[in-house]
Amino acid sequence: MHFVTGGHFNGKSQWVRNYYKIKDRSDYTWISAYHNESFEKWDQNQNVCLIVLEGIEIYLKKMIDKDLEMQQIVDQTKRLIDDVFVWEQGNKNRNLVWIGTDISKGIVPIEKKDRLWRDITGWVYQDIVSKSEKVDIIWYGISRKLK
């Protein structure tokens, strides 16, 4: 797995497209929560070598907005992480990329739901990073390898 993070509008998606040389739509599956697509639509039987799940923080925000309990959100997301990890491990040519905006910096939100969102996103990112083989931070289109 490969986790790519960084600030909002800092070039994460474009960096991933360049890094993985994404051109032909049949080569990969790109699911974007930024475009209202659900991560649940990924299919473990897909015959692609690359799956990109973009907008983790938005995926989590939508679950919070549905008033799911914190533990439900964490458990559901861990299952998704485990499922896609198993998919990737099933074939040495498969790659899974997570893209998530870093929302941990700045002023702590006043609203309880916004603080919960920030906390859950941090915990989920830790889970993703622990399973990831590669981790990159993108700032202004430039990558910094962490792992």
N, C-alpha and C. Protein backbone atom coordinates (compact mmCIF):
# COMPACT_ATOMS: atom_id res chain seq x y z
N MET A 1 0.85 -1.18 0.00
CA MET A 1 0.00 0.00 0.00
C MET A 1 0.89 1.23 0.00
N HIS A 2 0.32 2.29 -0.53
CA HIS A 2 1.02 3.57 -0.63
C HIS A 2 0.05 4.63 -0.13
N PHE A 3 0.47 5.40 0.87
CA PHE A 3 -0.35 6.48 1.42
C PHE A 3 0.27 7.80 0.99
N VAL A 4 -0.56 8.66 0.40
CA VAL A 4 -0.12 9.97 -0.07
C VAL A 4 -0.98 11.01 0.64
N THR A 5 -0.32 11.93 1.33
CA THR A 5 -1.04 12.96 2.07
C THR A 5 -0.38 14.31 1.83
N GLY A 6 -0.98 15.34 2.36
CA GLY A 6 -0.47 16.70 2.22
C GLY A 6 -1.63 17.66 2.36
N GLY A 7 -1.34 18.92 2.18
CA GLY A 7 -2.37 19.94 2.33
C GLY A 7 -3.39 19.91 1.21
N HIS A 8 -4.51 20.57 1.48
CA HIS A 8 -5.59 20.68 0.50
C HIS A 8 -5.08 21.44 -0.73
N PHE A 9 -5.37 20.95 -1.92
CA PHE A 9 -4.94 21.57 -3.18
C PHE A 9 -3.42 21.73 -3.27
N ASN A 10 -2.69 20.72 -2.83
CA ASN A 10 -1.23 20.76 -2.92
C ASN A 10 -0.67 19.82 -3.98
N GLY A 11 -1.51 19.25 -4.81
CA GLY A 11 -1.04 18.46 -5.94
C GLY A 11 -0.92 16.96 -5.70
N LYS A 12 -1.62 16.44 -4.69
CA LYS A 12 -1.52 15.00 -4.38
C LYS A 12 -1.99 14.13 -5.54
N SER A 13 -3.15 14.44 -6.09
CA SER A 13 -3.71 13.63 -7.17
C SER A 13 -2.82 13.66 -8.40
N GLN A 14 -2.38 14.83 -8.78
CA GLN A 14 -1.51 14.94 -9.96
C GLN A 14 -0.19 14.21 -9.73
N TRP A 15 0.33 14.30 -8.51
CA TRP A 15 1.58 13.61 -8.20
C TRP A 15 1.39 12.10 -8.36
N VAL A 16 0.27 11.56 -7.87
CA VAL A 16 -0.02 10.13 -8.00
C VAL A 16 -0.13 9.76 -9.48
N ARG A 17 -0.84 10.57 -10.26
CA ARG A 17 -0.97 10.29 -11.70
C ARG A 17 0.40 10.23 -12.38
N ASN A 18 1.27 11.15 -12.01
CA ASN A 18 2.62 11.17 -12.60
C ASN A 18 3.46 10.00 -12.09
N TYR A 19 3.42 9.75 -10.80
CA TYR A 19 4.24 8.71 -10.19
C TYR A 19 3.90 7.33 -10.76
N TYR A 20 2.60 7.05 -10.92
CA TYR A 20 2.16 5.76 -11.42
C TYR A 20 1.93 5.75 -12.93
N LYS A 21 2.27 6.87 -13.58
CA LYS A 21 2.14 6.98 -15.04
C LYS A 21 0.75 6.56 -15.52
N ILE A 22 -0.26 7.11 -14.89
CA ILE A 22 -1.65 6.77 -15.20
C ILE A 22 -2.07 7.46 -16.48
N LYS A 23 -2.49 6.65 -17.45
CA LYS A 23 -2.94 7.19 -18.73
C LYS A 23 -4.25 6.56 -19.17
N ASP A 24 -4.25 5.27 -19.34
CA ASP A 24 -5.41 4.55 -19.88
C ASP A 24 -6.38 4.19 -18.76
N ARG A 25 -7.63 4.53 -18.94
CA ARG A 25 -8.66 4.29 -17.92
C ARG A 25 -8.81 2.80 -17.58
N SER A 26 -8.45 1.92 -18.48
CA SER A 26 -8.61 0.49 -18.21
C SER A 26 -7.49 -0.09 -17.33
N ASP A 27 -6.44 0.68 -17.14
CA ASP A 27 -5.30 0.22 -16.33
C ASP A 27 -5.57 0.25 -14.83
N TYR A 28 -6.51 1.03 -14.39
CA TYR A 28 -6.66 1.31 -12.96
C TYR A 28 -8.11 1.63 -12.62
N THR A 29 -8.36 1.67 -11.33
CA THR A 29 -9.65 2.16 -10.81
C THR A 29 -9.33 3.31 -9.87
N TRP A 30 -9.98 4.44 -10.09
CA TRP A 30 -9.78 5.62 -9.25
C TRP A 30 -11.14 5.96 -8.64
N ILE A 31 -11.25 5.84 -7.33
CA ILE A 31 -12.50 6.14 -6.64
C ILE A 31 -12.25 7.38 -5.77
N SER A 32 -13.01 8.42 -6.02
CA SER A 32 -12.79 9.69 -5.34
C SER A 32 -14.00 10.12 -4.51
N ALA A 33 -13.79 10.21 -3.22
CA ALA A 33 -14.83 10.75 -2.34
C ALA A 33 -15.06 12.24 -2.64
N TYR A 34 -14.05 12.90 -3.23
CA TYR A 34 -14.21 14.30 -3.61
C TYR A 34 -15.26 14.46 -4.71
N HIS A 35 -15.49 13.37 -5.47
CA HIS A 35 -16.48 13.38 -6.55
C HIS A 35 -17.71 12.58 -6.17
N ASN A 36 -17.93 12.45 -4.87
CA ASN A 36 -19.12 11.78 -4.32
C ASN A 36 -19.17 10.29 -4.66
N GLU A 37 -18.03 9.68 -4.91
CA GLU A 37 -17.97 8.25 -5.17
C GLU A 37 -17.72 7.53 -3.85
N SER A 38 -18.30 6.35 -3.71
CA SER A 38 -18.17 5.61 -2.47
C SER A 38 -17.04 4.59 -2.54
N PHE A 39 -16.23 4.52 -1.50
CA PHE A 39 -15.15 3.54 -1.45
C PHE A 39 -15.70 2.11 -1.48
N GLU A 40 -16.94 1.95 -1.06
CA GLU A 40 -17.54 0.62 -1.07
C GLU A 40 -17.76 0.10 -2.48
N LYS A 41 -17.65 0.97 -3.48
CA LYS A 41 -17.87 0.50 -4.85
C LYS A 41 -16.65 -0.23 -5.42
N TRP A 42 -15.54 -0.24 -4.69
CA TRP A 42 -14.39 -1.00 -5.19
C TRP A 42 -14.74 -2.48 -5.18
N ASP A 43 -14.19 -3.20 -6.10
CA ASP A 43 -14.53 -4.61 -6.27
C ASP A 43 -13.25 -5.43 -6.20
N GLN A 44 -13.20 -6.35 -5.26
CA GLN A 44 -11.99 -7.16 -5.08
C GLN A 44 -11.72 -8.07 -6.27
N ASN A 45 -12.68 -8.23 -7.15
CA ASN A 45 -12.51 -9.08 -8.33
C ASN A 45 -12.10 -8.29 -9.56
N GLN A 46 -11.80 -7.01 -9.39
CA GLN A 46 -11.39 -6.19 -10.53
C GLN A 46 -10.10 -6.72 -11.12
N ASN A 47 -10.02 -6.62 -12.42
CA ASN A 47 -8.82 -7.07 -13.12
C ASN A 47 -7.97 -5.85 -13.48
N VAL A 48 -7.54 -5.14 -12.46
CA VAL A 48 -6.67 -3.99 -12.64
C VAL A 48 -5.45 -4.17 -11.75
N CYS A 49 -4.41 -3.41 -12.05
CA CYS A 49 -3.19 -3.50 -11.24
C CYS A 49 -3.08 -2.37 -10.23
N LEU A 50 -3.95 -1.37 -10.36
CA LEU A 50 -3.85 -0.20 -9.48
C LEU A 50 -5.25 0.25 -9.09
N ILE A 51 -5.42 0.44 -7.79
CA ILE A 51 -6.65 1.07 -7.27
C ILE A 51 -6.21 2.28 -6.44
N VAL A 52 -6.84 3.42 -6.73
CA VAL A 52 -6.59 4.65 -5.97
C VAL A 52 -7.88 5.00 -5.25
N LEU A 53 -7.78 5.16 -3.94
CA LEU A 53 -8.90 5.61 -3.10
C LEU A 53 -8.55 7.01 -2.61
N GLU A 54 -9.25 7.99 -3.13
CA GLU A 54 -8.91 9.40 -2.89
C GLU A 54 -9.98 10.06 -2.02
N GLY A 55 -9.51 10.83 -1.04
CA GLY A 55 -10.44 11.60 -0.20
C GLY A 55 -10.88 10.87 1.05
N ILE A 56 -9.94 10.23 1.71
CA ILE A 56 -10.27 9.46 2.91
C ILE A 56 -11.00 10.32 3.93
N GLU A 57 -10.53 11.55 4.10
CA GLU A 57 -11.14 12.42 5.11
C GLU A 57 -12.60 12.73 4.78
N ILE A 58 -12.94 12.81 3.50
CA ILE A 58 -14.32 13.06 3.09
C ILE A 58 -15.18 11.81 3.34
N TYR A 59 -14.62 10.65 3.02
CA TYR A 59 -15.28 9.37 3.31
C TYR A 59 -15.65 9.30 4.80
N LEU A 60 -14.71 9.68 5.66
CA LEU A 60 -14.94 9.65 7.11
C LEU A 60 -15.96 10.71 7.54
N LYS A 61 -15.89 11.88 6.96
CA LYS A 61 -16.82 12.97 7.29
C LYS A 61 -18.25 12.55 6.98
N LYS A 62 -18.44 11.86 5.86
CA LYS A 62 -19.79 11.41 5.49
C LYS A 62 -20.33 10.41 6.52
N MET A 63 -19.46 9.56 7.05
CA MET A 63 -19.92 8.62 8.08
C MET A 63 -20.28 9.36 9.36
N ILE A 64 -19.50 10.37 9.71
CA ILE A 64 -19.80 11.16 10.90
C ILE A 64 -21.12 11.90 10.71
N ASP A 65 -21.34 12.43 9.50
CA ASP A 65 -22.58 13.15 9.22
C ASP A 65 -23.80 12.24 9.27
N LYS A 66 -23.59 10.92 9.12
CA LYS A 66 -24.69 9.96 9.25
C LYS A 66 -24.94 9.60 10.72
N ASP A 67 -24.20 10.26 11.61
CA ASP A 67 -24.31 10.05 13.06
C ASP A 67 -23.95 8.64 13.50
N LEU A 68 -23.02 8.02 12.78
CA LEU A 68 -22.51 6.72 13.24
C LEU A 68 -21.64 6.96 14.47
N GLU A 69 -21.59 5.99 15.34
CA GLU A 69 -20.74 6.08 16.53
C GLU A 69 -19.27 6.01 16.11
N MET A 70 -18.42 6.64 16.91
CA MET A 70 -17.00 6.68 16.61
C MET A 70 -16.43 5.28 16.37
N GLN A 71 -16.75 4.34 17.25
CA GLN A 71 -16.20 3.00 17.12
C GLN A 71 -16.70 2.31 15.86
N GLN A 72 -17.95 2.57 15.48
CA GLN A 72 -18.49 2.00 14.23
C GLN A 72 -17.68 2.50 13.03
N ILE A 73 -17.39 3.78 13.04
CA ILE A 73 -16.63 4.38 11.93
C ILE A 73 -15.24 3.78 11.86
N VAL A 74 -14.57 3.71 13.00
CA VAL A 74 -13.21 3.16 13.05
C VAL A 74 -13.23 1.70 12.61
N ASP A 75 -14.16 0.91 13.13
CA ASP A 75 -14.24 -0.52 12.78
C ASP A 75 -14.53 -0.72 11.30
N GLN A 76 -15.49 0.04 10.77
CA GLN A 76 -15.85 -0.09 9.35
C GLN A 76 -14.66 0.28 8.46
N THR A 77 -13.95 1.31 8.84
CA THR A 77 -12.81 1.75 8.04
C THR A 77 -11.67 0.75 8.14
N LYS A 78 -11.44 0.17 9.32
CA LYS A 78 -10.40 -0.86 9.47
C LYS A 78 -10.72 -2.07 8.59
N ARG A 79 -11.98 -2.43 8.50
CA ARG A 79 -12.37 -3.55 7.62
C ARG A 79 -12.06 -3.23 6.16
N LEU A 80 -12.36 -2.00 5.76
CA LEU A 80 -12.04 -1.58 4.39
C LEU A 80 -10.53 -1.63 4.15
N ILE A 81 -9.77 -1.10 5.09
CA ILE A 81 -8.30 -1.12 4.97
C ILE A 81 -7.81 -2.57 4.85
N ASP A 82 -8.32 -3.44 5.71
CA ASP A 82 -7.91 -4.85 5.67
C ASP A 82 -8.31 -5.51 4.36
N ASP A 83 -9.52 -5.24 3.87
CA ASP A 83 -10.00 -5.85 2.63
C ASP A 83 -9.14 -5.44 1.43
N VAL A 84 -8.84 -4.16 1.32
CA VAL A 84 -8.04 -3.72 0.17
C VAL A 84 -6.59 -4.18 0.31
N PHE A 85 -6.12 -4.30 1.54
CA PHE A 85 -4.77 -4.82 1.78
C PHE A 85 -4.68 -6.28 1.30
N VAL A 86 -5.69 -7.07 1.64
CA VAL A 86 -5.72 -8.47 1.21
C VAL A 86 -5.77 -8.54 -0.32
N TRP A 87 -6.59 -7.66 -0.94
CA TRP A 87 -6.66 -7.62 -2.41
C TRP A 87 -5.27 -7.37 -2.99
N GLU A 88 -4.59 -6.36 -2.45
CA GLU A 88 -3.26 -6.00 -2.97
C GLU A 88 -2.27 -7.14 -2.80
N GLN A 89 -2.30 -7.79 -1.64
CA GLN A 89 -1.36 -8.87 -1.35
C GLN A 89 -1.62 -10.12 -2.19
N GLY A 90 -2.80 -10.21 -2.80
CA GLY A 90 -3.17 -11.37 -3.60
C GLY A 90 -2.42 -11.50 -4.91
N ASN A 91 -1.73 -10.44 -5.33
CA ASN A 91 -0.98 -10.46 -6.58
C ASN A 91 0.14 -9.44 -6.49
N LYS A 92 1.36 -9.88 -6.77
CA LYS A 92 2.52 -8.98 -6.60
C LYS A 92 2.49 -7.77 -7.54
N ASN A 93 1.66 -7.82 -8.58
CA ASN A 93 1.57 -6.70 -9.52
C ASN A 93 0.53 -5.66 -9.13
N ARG A 94 -0.20 -5.92 -8.05
CA ARG A 94 -1.24 -4.99 -7.62
C ARG A 94 -0.68 -3.90 -6.72
N ASN A 95 -1.23 -2.71 -6.89
CA ASN A 95 -0.88 -1.58 -6.03
C ASN A 95 -2.16 -0.88 -5.58
N LEU A 96 -2.16 -0.50 -4.32
CA LEU A 96 -3.27 0.26 -3.77
C LEU A 96 -2.71 1.58 -3.24
N VAL A 97 -3.34 2.68 -3.64
CA VAL A 97 -2.90 4.01 -3.20
C VAL A 97 -4.06 4.69 -2.48
N TRP A 98 -3.78 5.16 -1.28
CA TRP A 98 -4.72 5.98 -0.52
C TRP A 98 -4.27 7.43 -0.66
N ILE A 99 -5.20 8.34 -0.90
CA ILE A 99 -4.89 9.77 -0.91
C ILE A 99 -5.79 10.43 0.13
N GLY A 100 -5.17 11.16 1.05
CA GLY A 100 -5.94 11.85 2.08
C GLY A 100 -5.32 13.19 2.45
N THR A 101 -6.15 14.18 2.58
CA THR A 101 -5.68 15.51 2.95
C THR A 101 -5.37 15.56 4.44
N ASP A 102 -4.27 16.21 4.77
CA ASP A 102 -3.88 16.38 6.17
C ASP A 102 -4.76 17.48 6.77
N ILE A 103 -5.63 17.10 7.69
CA ILE A 103 -6.51 18.08 8.35
C ILE A 103 -6.13 18.26 9.82
N SER A 104 -4.93 17.82 10.19
CA SER A 104 -4.54 17.83 11.59
C SER A 104 -3.87 19.13 12.05
N LYS A 105 -3.53 19.98 11.12
CA LYS A 105 -2.82 21.20 11.49
C LYS A 105 -3.80 22.36 11.66
N GLY A 106 -3.34 23.39 12.29
CA GLY A 106 -4.18 24.57 12.45
C GLY A 106 -4.94 24.57 13.76
N ILE A 107 -5.93 25.42 13.82
CA ILE A 107 -6.73 25.61 15.01
C ILE A 107 -7.66 24.42 15.23
N VAL A 108 -7.76 23.98 16.47
CA VAL A 108 -8.66 22.89 16.81
C VAL A 108 -10.10 23.39 16.61
N PRO A 109 -10.91 22.63 15.87
CA PRO A 109 -12.28 23.08 15.59
C PRO A 109 -13.12 23.26 16.86
N ILE A 110 -14.03 24.21 16.82
CA ILE A 110 -14.92 24.48 17.95
C ILE A 110 -16.03 23.43 18.03
N GLU A 111 -16.59 23.07 16.88
CA GLU A 111 -17.70 22.13 16.84
C GLU A 111 -17.24 20.72 17.19
N LYS A 112 -18.03 20.03 18.03
CA LYS A 112 -17.70 18.68 18.48
C LYS A 112 -17.55 17.72 17.31
N LYS A 113 -18.47 17.77 16.34
CA LYS A 113 -18.40 16.88 15.17
C LYS A 113 -17.11 17.11 14.38
N ASP A 114 -16.70 18.36 14.27
CA ASP A 114 -15.48 18.66 13.51
C ASP A 114 -14.23 18.16 14.26
N ARG A 115 -14.24 18.24 15.59
CA ARG A 115 -13.12 17.69 16.36
C ARG A 115 -13.08 16.18 16.23
N LEU A 116 -14.25 15.54 16.29
CA LEU A 116 -14.34 14.10 16.13
C LEU A 116 -13.81 13.69 14.75
N TRP A 117 -14.21 14.43 13.73
CA TRP A 117 -13.74 14.16 12.37
C TRP A 117 -12.22 14.20 12.29
N ARG A 118 -11.66 15.24 12.87
CA ARG A 118 -10.20 15.40 12.87
C ARG A 118 -9.52 14.25 13.62
N ASP A 119 -10.06 13.87 14.77
CA ASP A 119 -9.48 12.78 15.56
C ASP A 119 -9.56 11.44 14.82
N ILE A 120 -10.75 11.12 14.31
CA ILE A 120 -10.93 9.85 13.61
C ILE A 120 -10.03 9.79 12.38
N THR A 121 -9.93 10.89 11.66
CA THR A 121 -9.07 10.92 10.48
C THR A 121 -7.62 10.64 10.87
N GLY A 122 -7.17 11.21 11.96
CA GLY A 122 -5.81 10.94 12.44
C GLY A 122 -5.60 9.48 12.79
N TRP A 123 -6.56 8.88 13.46
CA TRP A 123 -6.44 7.46 13.83
C TRP A 123 -6.42 6.57 12.59
N VAL A 124 -7.31 6.88 11.64
CA VAL A 124 -7.38 6.07 10.41
C VAL A 124 -6.08 6.22 9.63
N TYR A 125 -5.56 7.43 9.53
CA TYR A 125 -4.29 7.63 8.82
C TYR A 125 -3.17 6.80 9.48
N GLN A 126 -3.18 6.74 10.80
CA GLN A 126 -2.18 5.91 11.49
C GLN A 126 -2.31 4.45 11.10
N ASP A 127 -3.56 3.96 11.01
CA ASP A 127 -3.79 2.57 10.60
C ASP A 127 -3.29 2.33 9.18
N ILE A 128 -3.58 3.27 8.29
CA ILE A 128 -3.14 3.13 6.90
C ILE A 128 -1.62 3.16 6.81
N VAL A 129 -1.00 4.09 7.51
CA VAL A 129 0.47 4.21 7.48
C VAL A 129 1.12 2.95 8.03
N SER A 130 0.55 2.36 9.08
CA SER A 130 1.16 1.16 9.67
C SER A 130 1.19 0.00 8.69
N LYS A 131 0.21 -0.07 7.77
CA LYS A 131 0.16 -1.16 6.79
C LYS A 131 0.84 -0.79 5.48
N SER A 132 1.10 0.49 5.28
CA SER A 132 1.66 0.95 4.01
C SER A 132 3.14 0.66 3.89
N GLU A 133 3.51 0.30 2.69
CA GLU A 133 4.91 0.08 2.36
C GLU A 133 5.59 1.43 2.05
N LYS A 134 4.80 2.35 1.46
CA LYS A 134 5.31 3.67 1.09
C LYS A 134 4.39 4.74 1.65
N VAL A 135 5.00 5.86 2.08
CA VAL A 135 4.23 7.02 2.54
C VAL A 135 4.93 8.26 2.00
N ASP A 136 4.16 9.12 1.34
CA ASP A 136 4.69 10.38 0.82
C ASP A 136 3.81 11.54 1.26
N ILE A 137 4.46 12.65 1.57
CA ILE A 137 3.76 13.91 1.84
C ILE A 137 4.01 14.80 0.63
N ILE A 138 2.94 15.41 0.12
CA ILE A 138 3.04 16.29 -1.03
C ILE A 138 2.72 17.71 -0.58
N TRP A 139 3.65 18.62 -0.80
CA TRP A 139 3.42 20.04 -0.54
C TRP A 139 3.81 20.79 -1.80
N TYR A 140 2.85 21.53 -2.34
CA TYR A 140 3.06 22.34 -3.55
C TYR A 140 3.58 21.49 -4.71
N GLY A 141 3.10 20.25 -4.80
CA GLY A 141 3.46 19.36 -5.89
C GLY A 141 4.78 18.63 -5.72
N ILE A 142 5.46 18.87 -4.62
CA ILE A 142 6.76 18.23 -4.37
C ILE A 142 6.58 17.17 -3.29
N SER A 143 7.16 15.99 -3.55
CA SER A 143 6.99 14.90 -2.58
C SER A 143 8.14 14.82 -1.60
N ARG A 144 7.79 14.36 -0.42
CA ARG A 144 8.78 14.04 0.60
C ARG A 144 8.45 12.63 1.10
N LYS A 145 9.39 11.73 0.88
CA LYS A 145 9.17 10.35 1.27
C LYS A 145 9.36 10.19 2.77
N LEU A 146 8.35 9.60 3.43
CA LEU A 146 8.46 9.32 4.86
C LEU A 146 8.77 7.86 5.13
N LYS A 147 8.30 7.01 4.22
CA LYS A 147 8.46 5.57 4.43
C LYS A 147 8.57 4.90 3.08
